[in-house]
All heavy atoms as atom14 arrays in JSON, in Angstrom:
{
  "sequence": "RATVVIRCILSMTAASEELAAANPQARIHNDVSRTFQYYLNADW",
  "atom14_mask": [
    [1, 1, 1, 1, 1, 1, 1, 1, 1, 1, 1, 0, 0, 0],
    [1, 1, 1, 1, 1, 0, 0, 0, 0, 0, 0, 0, 0, 0],
    [1, 1, 1, 1, 1, 1, 1, 0, 0, 0, 0, 0, 0, 0],
    [1, 1, 1, 1, 1, 1, 1, 0, 0, 0, 0, 0, 0, 0],
    [1, 1, 1, 1, 1, 1, 1, 0, 0, 0, 0, 0, 0, 0],
    [1, 1, 1, 1, 1, 1, 1, 1, 0, 0, 0, 0, 0, 0],
    [1, 1, 1, 1, 1, 1, 1, 1, 1, 1, 1, 0, 0, 0],
    [1, 1, 1, 1, 1, 1, 0, 0, 0, 0, 0, 0, 0, 0],
    [1, 1, 1, 1, 1, 1, 1, 1, 0, 0, 0, 0, 0, 0],
    [1, 1, 1, 1, 1, 1, 1, 1, 0, 0, 0, 0, 0, 0],
    [1, 1, 1, 1, 1, 1, 0, 0, 0, 0, 0, 0, 0, 0],
    [1, 1, 1, 1, 1, 1, 1, 1, 0, 0, 0, 0, 0, 0],
    [1, 1, 1, 1, 1, 1, 1, 0, 0, 0, 0, 0, 0, 0],
    [1, 1, 1, 1, 1, 0, 0, 0, 0, 0, 0, 0, 0, 0],
    [1, 1, 1, 1, 1, 0, 0, 0, 0, 0, 0, 0, 0, 0],
    [1, 1, 1, 1, 1, 1, 0, 0, 0, 0, 0, 0, 0, 0],
    [1, 1, 1, 1, 1, 1, 1, 1, 1, 0, 0, 0, 0, 0],
    [1, 1, 1, 1, 1, 1, 1, 1, 1, 0, 0, 0, 0, 0],
    [1, 1, 1, 1, 1, 1, 1, 1, 0, 0, 0, 0, 0, 0],
    [1, 1, 1, 1, 1, 0, 0, 0, 0, 0, 0, 0, 0, 0],
    [1, 1, 1, 1, 1, 0, 0, 0, 0, 0, 0, 0, 0, 0],
    [1, 1, 1, 1, 1, 0, 0, 0, 0, 0, 0, 0, 0, 0],
    [1, 1, 1, 1, 1, 1, 1, 1, 0, 0, 0, 0, 0, 0],
    [1, 1, 1, 1, 1, 1, 1, 0, 0, 0, 0, 0, 0, 0],
    [1, 1, 1, 1, 1, 1, 1, 1, 1, 0, 0, 0, 0, 0],
    [1, 1, 1, 1, 1, 0, 0, 0, 0, 0, 0, 0, 0, 0],
    [1, 1, 1, 1, 1, 1, 1, 1, 1, 1, 1, 0, 0, 0],
    [1, 1, 1, 1, 1, 1, 1, 1, 0, 0, 0, 0, 0, 0],
    [1, 1, 1, 1, 1, 1, 1, 1, 1, 1, 0, 0, 0, 0],
    [1, 1, 1, 1, 1, 1, 1, 1, 0, 0, 0, 0, 0, 0],
    [1, 1, 1, 1, 1, 1, 1, 1, 0, 0, 0, 0, 0, 0],
    [1, 1, 1, 1, 1, 1, 1, 0, 0, 0, 0, 0, 0, 0],
    [1, 1, 1, 1, 1, 1, 0, 0, 0, 0, 0, 0, 0, 0],
    [1, 1, 1, 1, 1, 1, 1, 1, 1, 1, 1, 0, 0, 0],
    [1, 1, 1, 1, 1, 1, 1, 0, 0, 0, 0, 0, 0, 0],
    [1, 1, 1, 1, 1, 1, 1, 1, 1, 1, 1, 0, 0, 0],
    [1, 1, 1, 1, 1, 1, 1, 1, 1, 0, 0, 0, 0, 0],
    [1, 1, 1, 1, 1, 1, 1, 1, 1, 1, 1, 1, 0, 0],
    [1, 1, 1, 1, 1, 1, 1, 1, 1, 1, 1, 1, 0, 0],
    [1, 1, 1, 1, 1, 1, 1, 1, 0, 0, 0, 0, 0, 0],
    [1, 1, 1, 1, 1, 1, 1, 1, 0, 0, 0, 0, 0, 0],
    [1, 1, 1, 1, 1, 0, 0, 0, 0, 0, 0, 0, 0, 0],
    [1, 1, 1, 1, 1, 1, 1, 1, 0, 0, 0, 0, 0, 0],
    [1, 1, 1, 1, 1, 1, 1, 1, 1, 1, 1, 1, 1, 1]
  ],
  "atom14_positions": [
    [[-13.56, -13.4, -1.54], [-12.44, -13.67, -2.42], [-12.57, -12.82, -3.67], [-13.68, -12.51, -4.1], [-12.41, -15.17, -2.79], [-12.22, -16.07, -1.58], [-12.14, -17.53, -1.99], [-11.87, -18.38, -0.81], [-11.64, -19.67, -0.85], [-11.62, -20.29, -2.02], [-11.4, -20.35, 0.26], [0.0, 0.0, 0.0], [0.0, 0.0, 0.0], [0.0, 0.0, 0.0]],
    [[-11.44, -12.49, -4.24], [-11.41, -11.64, -5.42], [-10.44, -12.16, -6.45], [-9.49, -12.88, -6.11], [-11.06, -10.2, -5.05], [0.0, 0.0, 0.0], [0.0, 0.0, 0.0], [0.0, 0.0, 0.0], [0.0, 0.0, 0.0], [0.0, 0.0, 0.0], [0.0, 0.0, 0.0], [0.0, 0.0, 0.0], [0.0, 0.0, 0.0], [0.0, 0.0, 0.0]],
    [[-10.66, -11.8, -7.7], [-9.64, -12.08, -8.7], [-8.38, -11.27, -8.38], [-8.41, -10.38, -7.52], [-10.13, -11.69, -10.13], [-10.2, -10.27, -10.23], [-11.48, -12.29, -10.42], [0.0, 0.0, 0.0], [0.0, 0.0, 0.0], [0.0, 0.0, 0.0], [0.0, 0.0, 0.0], [0.0, 0.0, 0.0], [0.0, 0.0, 0.0], [0.0, 0.0, 0.0]],
    [[-7.3, -11.54, -9.06], [-6.03, -10.91, -8.72], [-5.91, -9.5, -9.31], [-4.85, -8.9, -9.26], [-4.85, -11.78, -9.22], [-4.83, -13.09, -8.47], [-4.97, -12.03, -10.73], [0.0, 0.0, 0.0], [0.0, 0.0, 0.0], [0.0, 0.0, 0.0], [0.0, 0.0, 0.0], [0.0, 0.0, 0.0], [0.0, 0.0, 0.0], [0.0, 0.0, 0.0]],
    [[-7.0, -8.97, -9.81], [-7.01, -7.63, -10.4], [-7.28, -6.61, -9.29], [-8.18, -6.78, -8.47], [-8.07, -7.53, -11.53], [-8.09, -6.13, -12.12], [-7.8, -8.58, -12.58], [0.0, 0.0, 0.0], [0.0, 0.0, 0.0], [0.0, 0.0, 0.0], [0.0, 0.0, 0.0], [0.0, 0.0, 0.0], [0.0, 0.0, 0.0], [0.0, 0.0, 0.0]],
    [[-6.52, -5.51, -9.28], [-6.57, -4.56, -8.19], [-7.96, -3.99, -7.97], [-8.42, -3.85, -6.85], [-5.56, -3.41, -8.43], [-4.13, -3.92, -8.33], [-5.76, -2.28, -7.41], [-3.06, -2.9, -8.7], [0.0, 0.0, 0.0], [0.0, 0.0, 0.0], [0.0, 0.0, 0.0], [0.0, 0.0, 0.0], [0.0, 0.0, 0.0], [0.0, 0.0, 0.0]],
    [[-8.69, -3.65, -9.06], [-9.99, -3.05, -8.89], [-10.96, -4.01, -8.21], [-11.89, -3.55, -7.52], [-10.54, -2.59, -10.23], [-10.72, -3.66, -11.31], [-11.19, -3.04, -12.63], [-11.27, -4.03, -13.7], [-10.28, -4.37, -14.51], [-9.08, -3.8, -14.34], [-10.43, -5.27, -15.46], [0.0, 0.0, 0.0], [0.0, 0.0, 0.0], [0.0, 0.0, 0.0]],
    [[-10.8, -5.31, -8.43], [-11.66, -6.29, -7.75], [-11.27, -6.4, -6.25], [-12.14, -6.51, -5.38], [-11.52, -7.65, -8.42], [-12.02, -7.64, -10.15], [0.0, 0.0, 0.0], [0.0, 0.0, 0.0], [0.0, 0.0, 0.0], [0.0, 0.0, 0.0], [0.0, 0.0, 0.0], [0.0, 0.0, 0.0], [0.0, 0.0, 0.0], [0.0, 0.0, 0.0]],
    [[-9.98, -6.41, -5.97], [-9.51, -6.47, -4.59], [-10.02, -5.27, -3.79], [-10.51, -5.42, -2.65], [-8.0, -6.55, -4.55], [-7.48, -7.81, -5.26], [-7.47, -6.5, -3.11], [-6.0, -7.83, -5.5], [0.0, 0.0, 0.0], [0.0, 0.0, 0.0], [0.0, 0.0, 0.0], [0.0, 0.0, 0.0], [0.0, 0.0, 0.0], [0.0, 0.0, 0.0]],
    [[-9.92, -4.07, -4.37], [-10.37, -2.86, -3.68], [-11.88, -2.84, -3.49], [-12.42, -2.32, -2.5], [-9.89, -1.63, -4.38], [-8.36, -1.37, -4.38], [-8.01, -0.15, -5.17], [-7.86, -1.26, -2.95], [0.0, 0.0, 0.0], [0.0, 0.0, 0.0], [0.0, 0.0, 0.0], [0.0, 0.0, 0.0], [0.0, 0.0, 0.0], [0.0, 0.0, 0.0]],
    [[-12.61, -3.4, -4.46], [-14.07, -3.49, -4.33], [-14.45, -4.42, -3.17], [-15.32, -4.09, -2.36], [-14.68, -4.0, -5.64], [-14.49, -3.09, -6.68], [0.0, 0.0, 0.0], [0.0, 0.0, 0.0], [0.0, 0.0, 0.0], [0.0, 0.0, 0.0], [0.0, 0.0, 0.0], [0.0, 0.0, 0.0], [0.0, 0.0, 0.0], [0.0, 0.0, 0.0]],
    [[-13.78, -5.58, -3.09], [-13.99, -6.48, -1.99], [-13.68, -5.78, -0.66], [-14.44, -5.91, 0.34], [-13.1, -7.69, -2.16], [-13.1, -8.66, -0.97], [-12.0, -10.11, -1.25], [-10.38, -9.28, -1.19], [0.0, 0.0, 0.0], [0.0, 0.0, 0.0], [0.0, 0.0, 0.0], [0.0, 0.0, 0.0], [0.0, 0.0, 0.0], [0.0, 0.0, 0.0]],
    [[-12.58, -5.04, -0.59], [-12.19, -4.37, 0.63], [-13.23, -3.35, 1.06], [-13.57, -3.25, 2.25], [-10.84, -3.67, 0.43], [-9.87, -4.64, 0.08], [-10.37, -2.97, 1.69], [0.0, 0.0, 0.0], [0.0, 0.0, 0.0], [0.0, 0.0, 0.0], [0.0, 0.0, 0.0], [0.0, 0.0, 0.0], [0.0, 0.0, 0.0], [0.0, 0.0, 0.0]],
    [[-13.76, -2.59, 0.11], [-14.78, -1.58, 0.45], [-16.01, -2.2, 1.08], [-16.52, -1.71, 2.08], [-15.14, -0.79, -0.82], [0.0, 0.0, 0.0], [0.0, 0.0, 0.0], [0.0, 0.0, 0.0], [0.0, 0.0, 0.0], [0.0, 0.0, 0.0], [0.0, 0.0, 0.0], [0.0, 0.0, 0.0], [0.0, 0.0, 0.0], [0.0, 0.0, 0.0]],
    [[-16.53, -3.3, 0.48], [-17.69, -3.95, 1.03], [-17.38, -4.54, 2.41], [-18.22, -4.44, 3.34], [-18.18, -5.05, 0.08], [0.0, 0.0, 0.0], [0.0, 0.0, 0.0], [0.0, 0.0, 0.0], [0.0, 0.0, 0.0], [0.0, 0.0, 0.0], [0.0, 0.0, 0.0], [0.0, 0.0, 0.0], [0.0, 0.0, 0.0], [0.0, 0.0, 0.0]],
    [[-16.21, -5.17, 2.55], [-15.84, -5.8, 3.82], [-15.72, -4.77, 4.94], [-16.05, -5.04, 6.08], [-14.54, -6.55, 3.65], [-14.69, -7.62, 2.75], [0.0, 0.0, 0.0], [0.0, 0.0, 0.0], [0.0, 0.0, 0.0], [0.0, 0.0, 0.0], [0.0, 0.0, 0.0], [0.0, 0.0, 0.0], [0.0, 0.0, 0.0], [0.0, 0.0, 0.0]],
    [[-15.25, -3.58, 4.62], [-15.15, -2.51, 5.61], [-16.51, -2.16, 6.16], [-16.67, -1.93, 7.4], [-14.51, -1.26, 5.0], [-12.99, -1.42, 4.77], [-12.38, -0.26, 4.04], [-13.17, 0.61, 3.57], [-11.15, -0.2, 3.93], [0.0, 0.0, 0.0], [0.0, 0.0, 0.0], [0.0, 0.0, 0.0], [0.0, 0.0, 0.0], [0.0, 0.0, 0.0]],
    [[-17.54, -2.13, 5.32], [-18.89, -1.84, 5.79], [-19.44, -2.98, 6.65], [-20.11, -2.71, 7.68], [-19.81, -1.56, 4.62], [-19.48, -0.31, 3.83], [-19.7, 0.99, 4.66], [-20.46, 0.93, 5.66], [-19.1, 2.01, 4.31], [0.0, 0.0, 0.0], [0.0, 0.0, 0.0], [0.0, 0.0, 0.0], [0.0, 0.0, 0.0], [0.0, 0.0, 0.0]],
    [[-19.17, -4.21, 6.27], [-19.65, -5.34, 7.07], [-18.98, -5.36, 8.41], [-19.61, -5.66, 9.44], [-19.38, -6.63, 6.3], [-20.14, -6.77, 4.96], [-19.75, -8.09, 4.26], [-21.64, -6.7, 5.14], [0.0, 0.0, 0.0], [0.0, 0.0, 0.0], [0.0, 0.0, 0.0], [0.0, 0.0, 0.0], [0.0, 0.0, 0.0], [0.0, 0.0, 0.0]],
    [[-17.69, -5.04, 8.43], [-16.98, -4.99, 9.73], [-17.47, -3.86, 10.6], [-17.58, -4.0, 11.84], [-15.48, -4.84, 9.46], [0.0, 0.0, 0.0], [0.0, 0.0, 0.0], [0.0, 0.0, 0.0], [0.0, 0.0, 0.0], [0.0, 0.0, 0.0], [0.0, 0.0, 0.0], [0.0, 0.0, 0.0], [0.0, 0.0, 0.0], [0.0, 0.0, 0.0]],
    [[-17.8, -2.72, 9.97], [-18.32, -1.6, 10.75], [-19.68, -1.92, 11.36], [-20.0, -1.51, 12.48], [-18.44, -0.36, 9.88], [0.0, 0.0, 0.0], [0.0, 0.0, 0.0], [0.0, 0.0, 0.0], [0.0, 0.0, 0.0], [0.0, 0.0, 0.0], [0.0, 0.0, 0.0], [0.0, 0.0, 0.0], [0.0, 0.0, 0.0], [0.0, 0.0, 0.0]],
    [[-20.49, -2.68, 10.59], [-21.82, -3.06, 11.1], [-21.75, -4.11, 12.19], [-22.63, -4.17, 13.05], [-22.67, -3.57, 9.93], [0.0, 0.0, 0.0], [0.0, 0.0, 0.0], [0.0, 0.0, 0.0], [0.0, 0.0, 0.0], [0.0, 0.0, 0.0], [0.0, 0.0, 0.0], [0.0, 0.0, 0.0], [0.0, 0.0, 0.0], [0.0, 0.0, 0.0]],
    [[-20.7, -4.92, 12.18], [-20.56, -6.0, 13.17], [-19.09, -6.26, 13.47], [-18.47, -7.11, 12.83], [-21.25, -7.27, 12.66], [-21.17, -8.41, 13.66], [-20.72, -8.23, 14.79], [-21.58, -9.59, 13.23], [0.0, 0.0, 0.0], [0.0, 0.0, 0.0], [0.0, 0.0, 0.0], [0.0, 0.0, 0.0], [0.0, 0.0, 0.0], [0.0, 0.0, 0.0]],
    [[-18.52, -5.53, 14.41], [-17.09, -5.72, 14.74], [-16.76, -7.15, 15.2], [-15.59, -7.53, 15.17], [-16.85, -4.72, 15.88], [-17.92, -3.67, 15.66], [-19.12, -4.44, 15.17], [0.0, 0.0, 0.0], [0.0, 0.0, 0.0], [0.0, 0.0, 0.0], [0.0, 0.0, 0.0], [0.0, 0.0, 0.0], [0.0, 0.0, 0.0], [0.0, 0.0, 0.0]],
    [[-17.77, -7.91, 15.61], [-17.53, -9.27, 16.08], [-17.47, -10.3, 14.94], [-17.06, -11.42, 15.14], [-18.63, -9.71, 17.05], [-18.66, -8.96, 18.36], [-19.8, -9.41, 19.24], [-20.99, -9.11, 18.97], [-19.44, -10.15, 20.31], [0.0, 0.0, 0.0], [0.0, 0.0, 0.0], [0.0, 0.0, 0.0], [0.0, 0.0, 0.0], [0.0, 0.0, 0.0]],
    [[-17.9, -9.88, 13.76], [-17.93, -10.79, 12.62], [-16.51, -11.25, 12.27], [-15.55, -10.47, 12.34], [-18.6, -10.16, 11.41], [0.0, 0.0, 0.0], [0.0, 0.0, 0.0], [0.0, 0.0, 0.0], [0.0, 0.0, 0.0], [0.0, 0.0, 0.0], [0.0, 0.0, 0.0], [0.0, 0.0, 0.0], [0.0, 0.0, 0.0], [0.0, 0.0, 0.0]],
    [[-16.41, -12.52, 11.87], [-15.13, -13.06, 11.38], [-15.13, -12.93, 9.87], [-15.8, -13.67, 9.15], [-14.98, -14.48, 11.83], [-14.65, -14.63, 13.31], [-14.58, -16.07, 13.71], [-15.91, -16.7, 13.76], [-16.13, -18.01, 13.88], [-15.12, -18.85, 13.92], [-17.37, -18.45, 13.91], [0.0, 0.0, 0.0], [0.0, 0.0, 0.0], [0.0, 0.0, 0.0]],
    [[-14.38, -11.92, 9.38], [-14.34, -11.63, 7.96], [-12.97, -11.99, 7.42], [-11.96, -11.46, 7.9], [-14.67, -10.14, 7.69], [-16.08, -9.82, 8.25], [-14.6, -9.83, 6.19], [-16.43, -8.34, 8.16], [0.0, 0.0, 0.0], [0.0, 0.0, 0.0], [0.0, 0.0, 0.0], [0.0, 0.0, 0.0], [0.0, 0.0, 0.0], [0.0, 0.0, 0.0]],
    [[-12.95, -12.84, 6.42], [-11.67, -13.29, 5.8], [-11.65, -12.88, 4.36], [-12.49, -13.31, 3.55], [-11.57, -14.81, 5.94], [-10.34, -15.36, 5.25], [-9.07, -15.02, 5.62], [-10.21, -16.25, 4.22], [-8.19, -15.66, 4.86], [-8.88, -16.41, 4.01], [0.0, 0.0, 0.0], [0.0, 0.0, 0.0], [0.0, 0.0, 0.0], [0.0, 0.0, 0.0]],
    [[-10.72, -12.0, 3.99], [-10.52, -11.59, 2.6], [-9.33, -12.36, 2.04], [-8.29, -12.46, 2.7], [-10.24, -10.08, 2.49], [-11.48, -9.24, 2.76], [-12.59, -9.78, 2.92], [-11.31, -7.93, 2.79], [0.0, 0.0, 0.0], [0.0, 0.0, 0.0], [0.0, 0.0, 0.0], [0.0, 0.0, 0.0], [0.0, 0.0, 0.0], [0.0, 0.0, 0.0]],
    [[-9.49, -12.83, 0.82], [-8.39, -13.64, 0.24], [-8.29, -13.39, -1.26], [-9.29, -13.16, -1.94], [-8.66, -15.12, 0.5], [-7.39, -15.98, 0.45], [-6.29, -15.41, 0.13], [-7.45, -17.17, 0.77], [0.0, 0.0, 0.0], [0.0, 0.0, 0.0], [0.0, 0.0, 0.0], [0.0, 0.0, 0.0], [0.0, 0.0, 0.0], [0.0, 0.0, 0.0]],
    [[-7.06, -13.4, -1.75], [-6.77, -13.24, -3.17], [-5.69, -14.23, -3.53], [-4.64, -14.3, -2.9], [-6.29, -11.82, -3.48], [-5.98, -11.68, -4.98], [-7.33, -10.78, -3.06], [0.0, 0.0, 0.0], [0.0, 0.0, 0.0], [0.0, 0.0, 0.0], [0.0, 0.0, 0.0], [0.0, 0.0, 0.0], [0.0, 0.0, 0.0], [0.0, 0.0, 0.0]],
    [[-5.95, -15.05, -4.55], [-4.94, -16.02, -4.96], [-5.26, -16.47, -6.38], [-6.41, -16.53, -6.78], [-4.96, -17.24, -4.04], [-4.14, -18.28, -4.56], [0.0, 0.0, 0.0], [0.0, 0.0, 0.0], [0.0, 0.0, 0.0], [0.0, 0.0, 0.0], [0.0, 0.0, 0.0], [0.0, 0.0, 0.0], [0.0, 0.0, 0.0], [0.0, 0.0, 0.0]],
    [[-4.23, -16.79, -7.14], [-4.44, -17.32, -8.45], [-5.12, -18.7, -8.42], [-5.67, -19.12, -9.44], [-3.11, -17.4, -9.21], [-2.51, -16.03, -9.48], [-1.34, -16.07, -10.43], [-0.78, -14.73, -10.61], [-1.29, -13.8, -11.41], [-2.38, -14.07, -12.13], [-0.72, -12.62, -11.49], [0.0, 0.0, 0.0], [0.0, 0.0, 0.0], [0.0, 0.0, 0.0]],
    [[-5.09, -19.35, -7.3], [-5.74, -20.67, -7.2], [-7.26, -20.57, -7.32], [-7.9, -21.57, -7.57], [-5.39, -21.39, -5.88], [-5.82, -20.58, -4.78], [-3.88, -21.61, -5.79], [0.0, 0.0, 0.0], [0.0, 0.0, 0.0], [0.0, 0.0, 0.0], [0.0, 0.0, 0.0], [0.0, 0.0, 0.0], [0.0, 0.0, 0.0], [0.0, 0.0, 0.0]],
    [[-7.81, -19.38, -7.11], [-9.26, -19.19, -7.22], [-9.69, -18.83, -8.63], [-10.92, -18.78, -8.91], [-9.75, -18.06, -6.29], [-9.27, -18.16, -4.87], [-9.0, -17.0, -4.15], [-9.13, -19.38, -4.25], [-8.58, -17.08, -2.82], [-8.69, -19.47, -2.92], [-8.43, -18.3, -2.24], [0.0, 0.0, 0.0], [0.0, 0.0, 0.0], [0.0, 0.0, 0.0]],
    [[-8.75, -18.5, -9.5], [-9.12, -17.9, -10.78], [-9.89, -18.85, -11.67], [-10.63, -18.39, -12.55], [-7.85, -17.42, -11.51], [-7.04, -16.43, -10.71], [-7.85, -15.29, -10.11], [-8.44, -14.48, -10.82], [-7.99, -15.25, -8.77], [0.0, 0.0, 0.0], [0.0, 0.0, 0.0], [0.0, 0.0, 0.0], [0.0, 0.0, 0.0], [0.0, 0.0, 0.0]],
    [[-9.75, -20.16, -11.47], [-10.42, -21.09, -12.37], [-11.95, -20.97, -12.28], [-12.66, -21.33, -13.22], [-10.0, -22.54, -12.09], [-10.64, -23.17, -10.85], [-11.78, -23.95, -10.96], [-10.09, -22.97, -9.6], [-12.38, -24.5, -9.84], [-10.67, -23.54, -8.46], [-11.82, -24.3, -8.6], [-12.38, -24.86, -7.49], [0.0, 0.0, 0.0], [0.0, 0.0, 0.0]],
    [[-12.44, -20.45, -11.17], [-13.9, -20.2, -11.1], [-14.27, -18.74, -10.98], [-15.35, -18.32, -11.35], [-14.56, -21.01, -9.98], [-14.19, -20.63, -8.55], [-14.85, -19.6, -7.91], [-13.18, -21.31, -7.86], [-14.53, -19.24, -6.58], [-12.85, -20.96, -6.56], [-13.53, -19.93, -5.94], [-13.21, -19.58, -4.62], [0.0, 0.0, 0.0], [0.0, 0.0, 0.0]],
    [[-13.36, -17.9, -10.45], [-13.67, -16.47, -10.33], [-13.52, -15.73, -11.66], [-14.22, -14.74, -11.91], [-12.75, -15.78, -9.29], [-13.03, -16.09, -7.85], [-12.03, -15.34, -6.94], [-14.45, -15.72, -7.44], [0.0, 0.0, 0.0], [0.0, 0.0, 0.0], [0.0, 0.0, 0.0], [0.0, 0.0, 0.0], [0.0, 0.0, 0.0], [0.0, 0.0, 0.0]],
    [[-12.66, -16.21, -12.52], [-12.44, -15.56, -13.82], [-11.96, -16.63, -14.78], [-10.8, -16.64, -15.22], [-11.42, -14.43, -13.69], [-11.36, -13.55, -14.93], [-12.2, -13.62, -15.81], [-10.33, -12.72, -14.98], [0.0, 0.0, 0.0], [0.0, 0.0, 0.0], [0.0, 0.0, 0.0], [0.0, 0.0, 0.0], [0.0, 0.0, 0.0], [0.0, 0.0, 0.0]],
    [[-12.84, -17.55, -15.13], [-12.47, -18.76, -15.85], [-12.0, -18.48, -17.27], [-12.56, -17.64, -17.96], [-13.67, -19.71, -15.87], [0.0, 0.0, 0.0], [0.0, 0.0, 0.0], [0.0, 0.0, 0.0], [0.0, 0.0, 0.0], [0.0, 0.0, 0.0], [0.0, 0.0, 0.0], [0.0, 0.0, 0.0], [0.0, 0.0, 0.0], [0.0, 0.0, 0.0]],
    [[-10.98, -19.25, -17.67], [-10.6, -19.26, -19.07], [-11.64, -20.05, -19.84], [-12.19, -21.05, -19.35], [-9.23, -19.95, -19.26], [-8.1, -19.11, -18.71], [-8.24, -17.87, -18.7], [-7.09, -19.7, -18.29], [0.0, 0.0, 0.0], [0.0, 0.0, 0.0], [0.0, 0.0, 0.0], [0.0, 0.0, 0.0], [0.0, 0.0, 0.0], [0.0, 0.0, 0.0]],
    [[-11.91, -19.63, -21.06], [-12.9, -20.32, -21.87], [-12.33, -21.66, -22.39], [-11.17, -21.75, -22.75], [-13.3, -19.47, -23.05], [-14.21, -18.35, -22.71], [-14.25, -17.65, -21.56], [-15.25, -17.79, -23.53], [-15.23, -16.68, -21.59], [-15.87, -16.75, -22.79], [-15.73, -18.1, -24.79], [-16.92, -16.02, -23.31], [-16.78, -17.37, -25.3], [-17.39, -16.34, -24.58]]
  ]
}
């Protein structure tokens, strides 16, 4: 999961691509949503 910022989404995608290449059978789920922001990028 990533914050809704593009640079974070693309970073997640890059790592996931390597994990998928190492194991095509792996079940990899990438997700981006504002519902995650309260812990991924918390307001003070």
